[in-house]
Amino acid sequence: MFDFHADRKRYFEMQYLNAKGYVLPFIEQYFSIKPGLRVLEIGAGEGGVLNAFLERGCYGVGVELDPRRVEWACGFLWEPIGRGQLHYVDKDIYQTDLTHDLKGPFDIIVLKDVIEHIHDQPRLMRYMQNWLAPGGVIFFGFPPWHMPFGGHQQIARSFLAKLPYIHLLPLFLYKGLLKLNREPVAELLEIRDTRITIERFERICHDQGYTILNRLHYLINPIYQWKFGWRPKVQWGFLTRIPYLRNFLTTCVYYLIRPSSPLK
């Protein structure tokens, strides 16, 4: 496992810096982030991404299934929580109530490195239409399934953490390799069930009645500058236009979407 996955404070800071330097500017190409806006982050983790919005005067709600990460978030962000600028919901997103739990609706919904973990993604996309305020937008950032570490094998404890593309092996070989090295088989195979490609994501957006406002594909994920010291690099334009092949060489994609029909 890479060190930053164990150091939660460092991971919080990386997520905050990445959001401040890349996520918010990407959103603001089409949607102005102003004080007083309400922001929902699904899979909010320790709150690093939300912290960038809080600094801009937004009000935040974080939904996080892992109670340990909620505890860390409360430690890192106790001040905005204390003044009522942020609150966390420790629930499965499908079990939350818009009025009681989320205090919605929201101007911005954020899913950063989350959609690839969620089961029944079209269902979630339908839900979120009801959670948006009129004119609201949804941001997605995720690694396409076929990219070198799309199976999240970087969380492994053995040498497998540094092997690209092994998640693309036939299931019986991949599962056997994980078991042989005493890796968290269930966790690493779950991402195989919920995997998402660029093509599948765009198809879901279309089928569920969303318009894509902005998209950006990265050859080198911006957060890698804090993780590995690598400079971010936007994907080559010609490759972004080649379906399927682009998934193998794109480490991260950003999307901004909104419902095609105005919300009432």
C-alpha atoms as a PDB file:
ATOM      1  CA  MET A   1       0.000   0.000   0.000  1.00  0.00           C
ATOM      2  CA  PHE A   2       1.266   3.488  -0.813  1.00  0.00           C
ATOM      3  CA  ASP A   3       2.087   5.577   2.274  1.00  0.00           C
ATOM      4  CA  PHE A   4      -0.485   8.291   1.581  1.00  0.00           C
ATOM      5  CA  HIS A   5      -3.320   5.781   1.959  1.00  0.00           C
ATOM      6  CA  ALA A   6      -2.283   5.178   5.563  1.00  0.00           C
ATOM      7  CA  ASP A   7      -1.634   8.846   6.456  1.00  0.00           C
ATOM      8  CA  ARG A   8      -5.149  10.271   6.506  1.00  0.00           C
ATOM      9  CA  LYS A   9      -4.061  13.844   7.255  1.00  0.00           C
ATOM     10  CA  ARG A  10      -1.759  13.806   4.250  1.00  0.00           C
ATOM     11  CA  TYR A  11      -4.510  12.321   2.108  1.00  0.00           C
ATOM     12  CA  PHE A  12      -6.895  15.065   3.309  1.00  0.00           C
ATOM     13  CA  GLU A  13      -4.377  17.725   2.276  1.00  0.00           C
ATOM     14  CA  MET A  14      -3.822  16.153  -1.147  1.00  0.00           C
ATOM     15  CA  GLN A  15      -7.545  16.053  -1.834  1.00  0.00           C
ATOM     16  CA  TYR A  16      -7.912  19.661  -0.705  1.00  0.00           C
ATOM     17  CA  LEU A  17      -5.049  20.939  -2.871  1.00  0.00           C
ATOM     18  CA  ASN A  18      -6.261  18.967  -5.888  1.00  0.00           C
ATOM     19  CA  ALA A  19      -9.790  20.300  -5.492  1.00  0.00           C
ATOM     20  CA  LYS A  20      -8.613  23.875  -5.033  1.00  0.00           C
ATOM     21  CA  GLY A  21      -6.182  23.756  -7.943  1.00  0.00           C
ATOM     22  CA  TYR A  22      -8.127  21.661 -10.463  1.00  0.00           C
ATOM     23  CA  VAL A  23     -11.684  20.664  -9.523  1.00  0.00           C
ATOM     24  CA  LEU A  24     -13.048  24.108  -8.637  1.00  0.00           C
ATOM     25  CA  PRO A  25     -11.436  25.826 -11.657  1.00  0.00           C
ATOM     26  CA  PHE A  26     -12.888  23.116 -13.917  1.00  0.00           C
ATOM     27  CA  ILE A  27     -16.382  23.679 -12.490  1.00  0.00           C
ATOM     28  CA  GLU A  28     -16.045  27.451 -12.765  1.00  0.00           C
ATOM     29  CA  GLN A  29     -15.487  27.259 -16.501  1.00  0.00           C
ATOM     30  CA  TYR A  30     -19.280  26.808 -16.677  1.00  0.00           C
ATOM     31  CA  PHE A  31     -20.681  27.476 -13.196  1.00  0.00           C
ATOM     32  CA  SER A  32     -19.712  30.256 -10.787  1.00  0.00           C
ATOM     33  CA  ILE A  33     -18.930  29.136  -7.230  1.00  0.00           C
ATOM     34  CA  LYS A  34     -20.240  31.834  -4.891  1.00  0.00           C
ATOM     35  CA  PRO A  35     -20.561  32.149  -1.099  1.00  0.00           C
ATOM     36  CA  GLY A  36     -23.777  30.659   0.209  1.00  0.00           C
ATOM     37  CA  LEU A  37     -24.087  27.866  -2.352  1.00  0.00           C
ATOM     38  CA  ARG A  38     -24.978  24.441  -1.011  1.00  0.00           C
ATOM     39  CA  VAL A  39     -22.603  21.622  -1.939  1.00  0.00           C
ATOM     40  CA  LEU A  40     -23.209  17.888  -1.471  1.00  0.00           C
ATOM     41  CA  GLU A  41     -20.289  15.488  -1.737  1.00  0.00           C
ATOM     42  CA  ILE A  42     -21.131  11.815  -2.087  1.00  0.00           C
ATOM     43  CA  GLY A  43     -18.323   9.659  -0.732  1.00  0.00           C
ATOM     44  CA  ALA A  44     -16.829  12.668   1.027  1.00  0.00           C
ATOM     45  CA  GLY A  45     -14.144  10.733   2.898  1.00  0.00           C
ATOM     46  CA  GLU A  46     -12.063  12.925   5.194  1.00  0.00           C
ATOM     47  CA  GLY A  47     -13.456  16.112   3.679  1.00  0.00           C
ATOM     48  CA  GLY A  48     -10.480  17.432   1.727  1.00  0.00           C
ATOM     49  CA  VAL A  49     -12.526  18.202  -1.383  1.00  0.00           C
ATOM     50  CA  LEU A  50     -15.345  19.814   0.599  1.00  0.00           C
ATOM     51  CA  ASN A  51     -12.817  21.979   2.426  1.00  0.00           C
ATOM     52  CA  ALA A  52     -11.988  23.776  -0.839  1.00  0.00           C
ATOM     53  CA  PHE A  53     -15.668  24.730  -1.219  1.00  0.00           C
ATOM     54  CA  LEU A  54     -15.975  25.749   2.423  1.00  0.00           C
ATOM     55  CA  GLU A  55     -13.096  28.185   1.945  1.00  0.00           C
ATOM     56  CA  ARG A  56     -15.146  29.844  -0.766  1.00  0.00           C
ATOM     57  CA  GLY A  57     -18.042  30.409   1.640  1.00  0.00           C
ATOM     58  CA  CYS A  58     -20.187  27.465   0.538  1.00  0.00           C
ATOM     59  CA  TYR A  59     -22.226  25.266   2.870  1.00  0.00           C
ATOM     60  CA  GLY A  60     -21.383  21.588   2.698  1.00  0.00           C
ATOM     61  CA  VAL A  61     -22.953  18.208   3.362  1.00  0.00           C
ATOM     62  CA  GLY A  62     -20.771  15.121   3.215  1.00  0.00           C
ATOM     63  CA  VAL A  63     -22.214  11.618   2.821  1.00  0.00           C
ATOM     64  CA  GLU A  64     -19.733   8.910   3.809  1.00  0.00           C
ATOM     65  CA  LEU A  65     -20.395   5.235   4.469  1.00  0.00           C
ATOM     66  CA  ASP A  66     -17.168   4.543   6.401  1.00  0.00           C
ATOM     67  CA  PRO A  67     -17.558   5.738  10.032  1.00  0.00           C
ATOM     68  CA  ARG A  68     -13.777   5.908  10.466  1.00  0.00           C
ATOM     69  CA  ARG A  69     -13.488   8.462   7.684  1.00  0.00           C
ATOM     70  CA  VAL A  70     -16.366  10.465   9.147  1.00  0.00           C
ATOM     71  CA  GLU A  71     -14.481  10.544  12.458  1.00  0.00           C
ATOM     72  CA  TRP A  72     -11.335  11.795  10.720  1.00  0.00           C
ATOM     73  CA  ALA A  73     -13.346  14.435   8.862  1.00  0.00           C
ATOM     74  CA  CYS A  74     -14.857  15.677  12.100  1.00  0.00           C
ATOM     75  CA  GLY A  75     -11.352  16.029  13.500  1.00  0.00           C
ATOM     76  CA  PHE A  76      -9.959  17.889  10.480  1.00  0.00           C
ATOM     77  CA  LEU A  77     -13.008  20.113   9.939  1.00  0.00           C
ATOM     78  CA  TRP A  78     -14.303  20.689  13.450  1.00  0.00           C
ATOM     79  CA  GLU A  79     -14.413  24.470  12.977  1.00  0.00           C
ATOM     80  CA  PRO A  80     -16.831  24.601   9.986  1.00  0.00           C
ATOM     81  CA  ILE A  81     -18.862  21.828  11.607  1.00  0.00           C
ATOM     82  CA  GLY A  82     -19.025  23.835  14.819  1.00  0.00           C
ATOM     83  CA  ARG A  83     -20.281  26.964  13.082  1.00  0.00           C
ATOM     84  CA  GLY A  84     -22.902  25.058  11.082  1.00  0.00           C
ATOM     85  CA  GLN A  85     -21.196  25.375   7.697  1.00  0.00           C
ATOM     86  CA  LEU A  86     -20.748  21.623   7.295  1.00  0.00           C
ATOM     87  CA  HIS A  87     -22.378  18.449   8.460  1.00  0.00           C
ATOM     88  CA  TYR A  88     -21.751  14.767   7.735  1.00  0.00           C
ATOM     89  CA  VAL A  89     -24.194  11.926   7.137  1.00  0.00           C
ATOM     90  CA  ASP A  90     -22.882   8.463   8.004  1.00  0.00           C
ATOM     91  CA  LYS A  91     -25.108   6.432   5.657  1.00  0.00           C
ATOM     92  CA  ASP A  92     -25.315   4.597   2.374  1.00  0.00           C
ATOM     93  CA  ILE A  93     -26.321   7.201  -0.217  1.00  0.00           C
ATOM     94  CA  TYR A  94     -29.323   5.075  -1.192  1.00  0.00           C
ATOM     95  CA  GLN A  95     -30.563   5.172   2.406  1.00  0.00           C
ATOM     96  CA  THR A  96     -30.442   8.951   2.824  1.00  0.00           C
ATOM     97  CA  ASP A  97     -33.487  11.216   2.879  1.00  0.00           C
ATOM     98  CA  LEU A  98     -33.221  14.516   1.010  1.00  0.00           C
ATOM     99  CA  THR A  99     -35.116  16.554   3.579  1.00  0.00           C
ATOM    100  CA  HIS A 100     -34.196  14.860   6.854  1.00  0.00           C
ATOM    101  CA  ASP A 101     -30.574  13.840   6.233  1.00  0.00           C
ATOM    102  CA  LEU A 102     -29.304  16.071   3.455  1.00  0.00           C
ATOM    103  CA  LYS A 103     -31.260  19.256   4.128  1.00  0.00           C
ATOM    104  CA  GLY A 104     -31.348  19.654   0.336  1.00  0.00           C
ATOM    105  CA  PRO A 105     -31.558  20.687  -2.450  1.00  0.00           C
ATOM    106  CA  PHE A 106     -28.053  21.542  -3.681  1.00  0.00           C
ATOM    107  CA  ASP A 107     -26.411  23.863  -6.160  1.00  0.00           C
ATOM    108  CA  ILE A 108     -23.453  21.526  -6.694  1.00  0.00           C
ATOM    109  CA  ILE A 109     -23.122  17.776  -6.188  1.00  0.00           C
ATOM    110  CA  VAL A 110     -19.612  16.330  -6.195  1.00  0.00           C
ATOM    111  CA  LEU A 111     -18.505  12.736  -6.797  1.00  0.00           C
ATOM    112  CA  LYS A 112     -14.711  12.586  -6.782  1.00  0.00           C
ATOM    113  CA  ASP A 113     -13.312   9.055  -7.235  1.00  0.00           C
ATOM    114  CA  VAL A 114     -16.665   7.645  -6.145  1.00  0.00           C
ATOM    115  CA  ILE A 115     -18.935   6.736  -9.073  1.00  0.00           C
ATOM    116  CA  GLU A 116     -16.732   3.725  -9.872  1.00  0.00           C
ATOM    117  CA  HIS A 117     -17.581   2.315  -6.411  1.00  0.00           C
ATOM    118  CA  ILE A 118     -21.352   2.729  -6.578  1.00  0.00           C
ATOM    119  CA  HIS A 119     -23.719  -0.052  -7.576  1.00  0.00           C
ATOM    120  CA  ASP A 120     -26.542   0.692 -10.039  1.00  0.00           C
ATOM    121  CA  GLN A 121     -25.124   3.963 -11.313  1.00  0.00           C
ATOM    122  CA  PRO A 122     -28.179   4.825 -13.474  1.00  0.00           C
ATOM    123  CA  ARG A 123     -30.322   4.666 -10.333  1.00  0.00           C
ATOM    124  CA  LEU A 124     -28.073   7.171  -8.578  1.00  0.00           C
ATOM    125  CA  MET A 125     -28.178   9.488 -11.576  1.00  0.00           C
ATOM    126  CA  ARG A 126     -31.985   9.455 -11.422  1.00  0.00           C
ATOM    127  CA  TYR A 127     -31.902  10.209  -7.688  1.00  0.00           C
ATOM    128  CA  MET A 128     -29.600  13.169  -8.086  1.00  0.00           C
ATOM    129  CA  GLN A 129     -31.962  14.997 -10.419  1.00  0.00           C
ATOM    130  CA  ASN A 130     -34.267  15.390  -7.409  1.00  0.00           C
ATOM    131  CA  TRP A 131     -31.448  16.666  -5.205  1.00  0.00           C
ATOM    132  CA  LEU A 132     -30.407  19.572  -7.426  1.00  0.00           C
ATOM    133  CA  ALA A 133     -31.629  23.130  -7.085  1.00  0.00           C
ATOM    134  CA  PRO A 134     -32.750  24.766 -10.369  1.00  0.00           C
ATOM    135  CA  GLY A 135     -29.674  25.373 -12.490  1.00  0.00           C
ATOM    136  CA  GLY A 136     -27.557  23.083 -10.322  1.00  0.00           C
ATOM    137  CA  VAL A 137     -24.663  20.987 -11.629  1.00  0.00           C
ATOM    138  CA  ILE A 138     -22.935  17.685 -10.833  1.00  0.00           C
ATOM    139  CA  PHE A 139     -19.170  17.170 -10.960  1.00  0.00           C
ATOM    140  CA  PHE A 140     -17.596  13.761 -11.547  1.00  0.00           C
ATOM    141  CA  GLY A 141     -13.954  12.793 -11.405  1.00  0.00           C
ATOM    142  CA  PHE A 142     -13.072   9.119 -11.831  1.00  0.00           C
ATOM    143  CA  PRO A 143     -10.502   6.714 -13.273  1.00  0.00           C
ATOM    144  CA  PRO A 144     -11.754   4.765 -16.307  1.00  0.00           C
ATOM    145  CA  TRP A 145     -11.836   1.021 -15.607  1.00  0.00           C
ATOM    146  CA  HIS A 146      -9.214   0.064 -18.176  1.00  0.00           C
ATOM    147  CA  MET A 147      -6.594   2.573 -17.051  1.00  0.00           C
ATOM    148  CA  PRO A 148      -3.379   1.108 -15.507  1.00  0.00           C
ATOM    149  CA  PHE A 149      -4.721   1.105 -11.932  1.00  0.00           C
ATOM    150  CA  GLY A 150      -8.452   1.109 -12.653  1.00  0.00           C
ATOM    151  CA  GLY A 151      -8.911  -1.890 -10.346  1.00  0.00           C
ATOM    152  CA  HIS A 152      -7.608   0.149  -7.397  1.00  0.00           C
ATOM    153  CA  GLN A 153      -4.927  -2.466  -6.861  1.00  0.00           C
ATOM    154  CA  GLN A 154      -2.807   0.325  -5.357  1.00  0.00           C
ATOM    155  CA  ILE A 155      -4.518  -0.445  -2.045  1.00  0.00           C
ATOM    156  CA  ALA A 156      -2.961  -3.906  -2.045  1.00  0.00           C
ATOM    157  CA  ARG A 157      -0.336  -4.682   0.602  1.00  0.00           C
ATOM    158  CA  SER A 158       1.975  -6.776  -1.564  1.00  0.00           C
ATOM    159  CA  PHE A 159       3.945  -6.105  -4.755  1.00  0.00           C
ATOM    160  CA  LEU A 160       0.609  -6.225  -6.597  1.00  0.00           C
ATOM    161  CA  ALA A 161       0.062  -2.597  -5.570  1.00  0.00           C
ATOM    162  CA  LYS A 162       2.599  -1.528  -8.174  1.00  0.00           C
ATOM    163  CA  LEU A 163       1.515  -3.723 -11.078  1.00  0.00           C
ATOM    164  CA  PRO A 164      -0.528  -1.928 -13.758  1.00  0.00           C
ATOM    165  CA  TYR A 165      -3.359  -3.569 -15.687  1.00  0.00           C
ATOM    166  CA  ILE A 166      -3.483  -6.756 -13.573  1.00  0.00           C
ATOM    167  CA  HIS A 167      -7.175  -6.078 -12.864  1.00  0.00           C
ATOM    168  CA  LEU A 168      -7.839  -6.788 -16.543  1.00  0.00           C
ATOM    169  CA  LEU A 169      -6.751 -10.417 -16.226  1.00  0.00           C
ATOM    170  CA  PRO A 170      -9.474 -13.066 -16.547  1.00  0.00           C
ATOM    171  CA  LEU A 171     -11.419 -13.215 -13.303  1.00  0.00           C
ATOM    172  CA  PHE A 172     -10.144 -16.612 -12.179  1.00  0.00           C
ATOM    173  CA  LEU A 173      -6.511 -15.540 -12.676  1.00  0.00           C
ATOM    174  CA  TYR A 174      -6.947 -12.189 -10.961  1.00  0.00           C
ATOM    175  CA  LYS A 175      -8.839 -13.681  -8.031  1.00  0.00           C
ATOM    176  CA  GLY A 176      -6.243 -16.425  -7.658  1.00  0.00           C
ATOM    177  CA  LEU A 177      -3.417 -13.884  -7.662  1.00  0.00           C
ATOM    178  CA  LEU A 178      -5.126 -11.858  -4.946  1.00  0.00           C
ATOM    179  CA  LYS A 179      -5.730 -14.916  -2.779  1.00  0.00           C
ATOM    180  CA  LEU A 180      -2.181 -16.162  -3.231  1.00  0.00           C
ATOM    181  CA  ASN A 181      -0.840 -12.853  -1.925  1.00  0.00           C
ATOM    182  CA  ARG A 182      -3.448 -12.566   0.860  1.00  0.00           C
ATOM    183  CA  GLU A 183      -4.971  -9.404  -0.486  1.00  0.00           C
ATOM    184  CA  PRO A 184      -8.475  -8.034   0.350  1.00  0.00           C
ATOM    185  CA  VAL A 185     -10.207 -10.083  -2.325  1.00  0.00           C
ATOM    186  CA  ALA A 186     -13.779  -8.925  -1.688  1.00  0.00           C
ATOM    187  CA  GLU A 187     -12.840  -5.244  -1.745  1.00  0.00           C
ATOM    188  CA  LEU A 188     -10.764  -5.505  -4.892  1.00  0.00           C
ATOM    189  CA  LEU A 189     -13.362  -7.591  -6.726  1.00  0.00           C
ATOM    190  CA  GLU A 190     -16.214  -5.247  -5.824  1.00  0.00           C
ATOM    191  CA  ILE A 191     -14.686  -2.509  -7.950  1.00  0.00           C
ATOM    192  CA  ARG A 192     -14.753  -5.005 -10.813  1.00  0.00           C
ATOM    193  CA  ASP A 193     -18.536  -5.232 -10.425  1.00  0.00           C
ATOM    194  CA  THR A 194     -19.062  -1.445 -10.300  1.00  0.00           C
ATOM    195  CA  ARG A 195     -16.429  -0.516 -12.911  1.00  0.00           C
ATOM    196  CA  ILE A 196     -17.173   2.288 -15.311  1.00  0.00           C
ATOM    197  CA  THR A 197     -15.692   3.347 -18.629  1.00  0.00           C
ATOM    198  CA  ILE A 198     -15.828   6.695 -20.395  1.00  0.00           C
ATOM    199  CA  GLU A 199     -18.332   5.307 -22.883  1.00  0.00           C
ATOM    200  CA  ARG A 200     -20.583   3.820 -20.219  1.00  0.00           C
ATOM    201  CA  PHE A 201     -20.563   7.032 -18.192  1.00  0.00           C
ATOM    202  CA  GLU A 202     -21.513   9.190 -21.179  1.00  0.00           C
ATOM    203  CA  ARG A 203     -24.217   6.712 -22.171  1.00  0.00           C
ATOM    204  CA  ILE A 204     -25.731   6.813 -18.670  1.00  0.00           C
ATOM    205  CA  CYS A 205     -25.718  10.622 -18.752  1.00  0.00           C
ATOM    206  CA  HIS A 206     -27.594  10.592 -22.056  1.00  0.00           C
ATOM    207  CA  ASP A 207     -30.063   7.891 -21.025  1.00  0.00           C
ATOM    208  CA  GLN A 208     -30.885   9.606 -17.725  1.00  0.00           C
ATOM    209  CA  GLY A 209     -31.526  12.990 -19.290  1.00  0.00           C
ATOM    210  CA  TYR A 210     -28.348  14.950 -18.600  1.00  0.00           C
ATOM    211  CA  THR A 211     -26.349  17.357 -20.728  1.00  0.00           C
ATOM    212  CA  ILE A 212     -22.557  17.274 -20.513  1.00  0.00           C
ATOM    213  CA  LEU A 213     -21.408  20.860 -19.981  1.00  0.00           C
ATOM    214  CA  ASN A 214     -17.685  20.232 -19.729  1.00  0.00           C
ATOM    215  CA  ARG A 215     -15.281  17.315 -20.004  1.00  0.00           C
ATOM    216  CA  LEU A 216     -11.539  16.969 -19.541  1.00  0.00           C
ATOM    217  CA  HIS A 217      -9.453  13.819 -19.849  1.00  0.00           C
ATOM    218  CA  TYR A 218      -6.020  13.500 -18.249  1.00  0.00           C
ATOM    219  CA  LEU A 219      -3.089  11.402 -19.363  1.00  0.00           C
ATOM    220  CA  ILE A 220      -1.583  12.100 -15.927  1.00  0.00           C
ATOM    221  CA  ASN A 221      -4.064  12.677 -13.106  1.00  0.00           C
ATOM    222  CA  PRO A 222      -3.507  16.068 -11.390  1.00  0.00           C
ATOM    223  CA  ILE A 223      -3.416  14.453  -7.957  1.00  0.00           C
ATOM    224  CA  TYR A 224      -0.371  12.430  -8.996  1.00  0.00           C
ATOM    225  CA  GLN A 225       1.782  15.516  -8.445  1.00  0.00           C
ATOM    226  CA  TRP A 226       1.203  15.111  -4.703  1.00  0.00           C
ATOM    227  CA  LYS A 227       1.171  11.342  -4.699  1.00  0.00           C
ATOM    228  CA  PHE A 228       4.177  10.673  -6.927  1.00  0.00           C
ATOM    229  CA  GLY A 229       5.693  14.016  -7.909  1.00  0.00           C
ATOM    230  CA  TRP A 230       4.450  13.705 -11.511  1.00  0.00           C
ATOM    231  CA  ARG A 231       3.363  16.813 -13.411  1.00  0.00           C
ATOM    232  CA  PRO A 232      -0.297  16.739 -14.582  1.00  0.00           C
ATOM    233  CA  LYS A 233      -0.837  16.325 -18.291  1.00  0.00           C
ATOM    234  CA  VAL A 234      -4.055  16.684 -20.236  1.00  0.00           C
ATOM    235  CA  GLN A 235      -4.750  13.784 -22.572  1.00  0.00           C
ATOM    236  CA  TRP A 236      -3.765  14.146 -26.227  1.00  0.00           C
ATOM    237  CA  GLY A 237      -6.713  15.529 -28.147  1.00  0.00           C
ATOM    238  CA  PHE A 238      -6.699  12.863 -30.849  1.00  0.00           C
ATOM    239  CA  LEU A 239      -6.777  10.062 -28.260  1.00  0.00           C
ATOM    240  CA  THR A 240      -9.796  11.511 -26.425  1.00  0.00           C
ATOM    241  CA  ARG A 241     -11.740  10.983 -29.664  1.00  0.00           C
ATOM    242  CA  ILE A 242     -10.930   7.278 -29.984  1.00  0.00           C
ATOM    243  CA  PRO A 243     -13.580   5.277 -28.089  1.00  0.00           C
ATOM    244  CA  TYR A 244     -12.444   2.386 -25.898  1.00  0.00           C
ATOM    245  CA  LEU A 245      -8.726   2.807 -26.618  1.00  0.00           C
ATOM    246  CA  ARG A 246      -8.703   6.093 -24.674  1.00  0.00           C
ATOM    247  CA  ASN A 247      -9.712   4.225 -21.507  1.00  0.00           C
ATOM    248  CA  PHE A 248      -6.392   2.368 -21.380  1.00  0.00           C
ATOM    249  CA  LEU A 249      -4.247   5.518 -21.400  1.00  0.00           C
ATOM    250  CA  THR A 250      -6.434   7.991 -19.509  1.00  0.00           C
ATOM    251  CA  THR A 251      -5.814   7.996 -15.759  1.00  0.00           C
ATOM    252  CA  CYS A 252      -8.581  10.416 -14.829  1.00  0.00           C
ATOM    253  CA  VAL A 253     -11.584  12.166 -16.354  1.00  0.00           C
ATOM    254  CA  TYR A 254     -13.513  15.221 -15.177  1.00  0.00           C
ATOM    255  CA  TYR A 255     -17.133  15.855 -16.178  1.00  0.00           C
ATOM    256  CA  LEU A 256     -19.646  18.560 -15.358  1.00  0.00           C
ATOM    257  CA  ILE A 257     -23.280  17.764 -16.131  1.00  0.00           C
ATOM    258  CA  ARG A 258     -26.765  19.129 -15.492  1.00  0.00           C
ATOM    259  CA  PRO A 259     -30.285  17.912 -16.281  1.00  0.00           C
ATOM    260  CA  SER A 260     -31.244  18.568 -19.896  1.00  0.00           C
ATOM    261  CA  SER A 261     -34.723  19.743 -18.908  1.00  0.00           C
ATOM    262  CA  PRO A 262     -35.035  22.632 -16.427  1.00  0.00           C
ATOM    263  CA  LEU A 263     -35.881  21.483 -12.906  1.00  0.00           C
ATOM    264  CA  LYS A 264     -39.175  22.647 -11.511  1.00  0.00           C
END
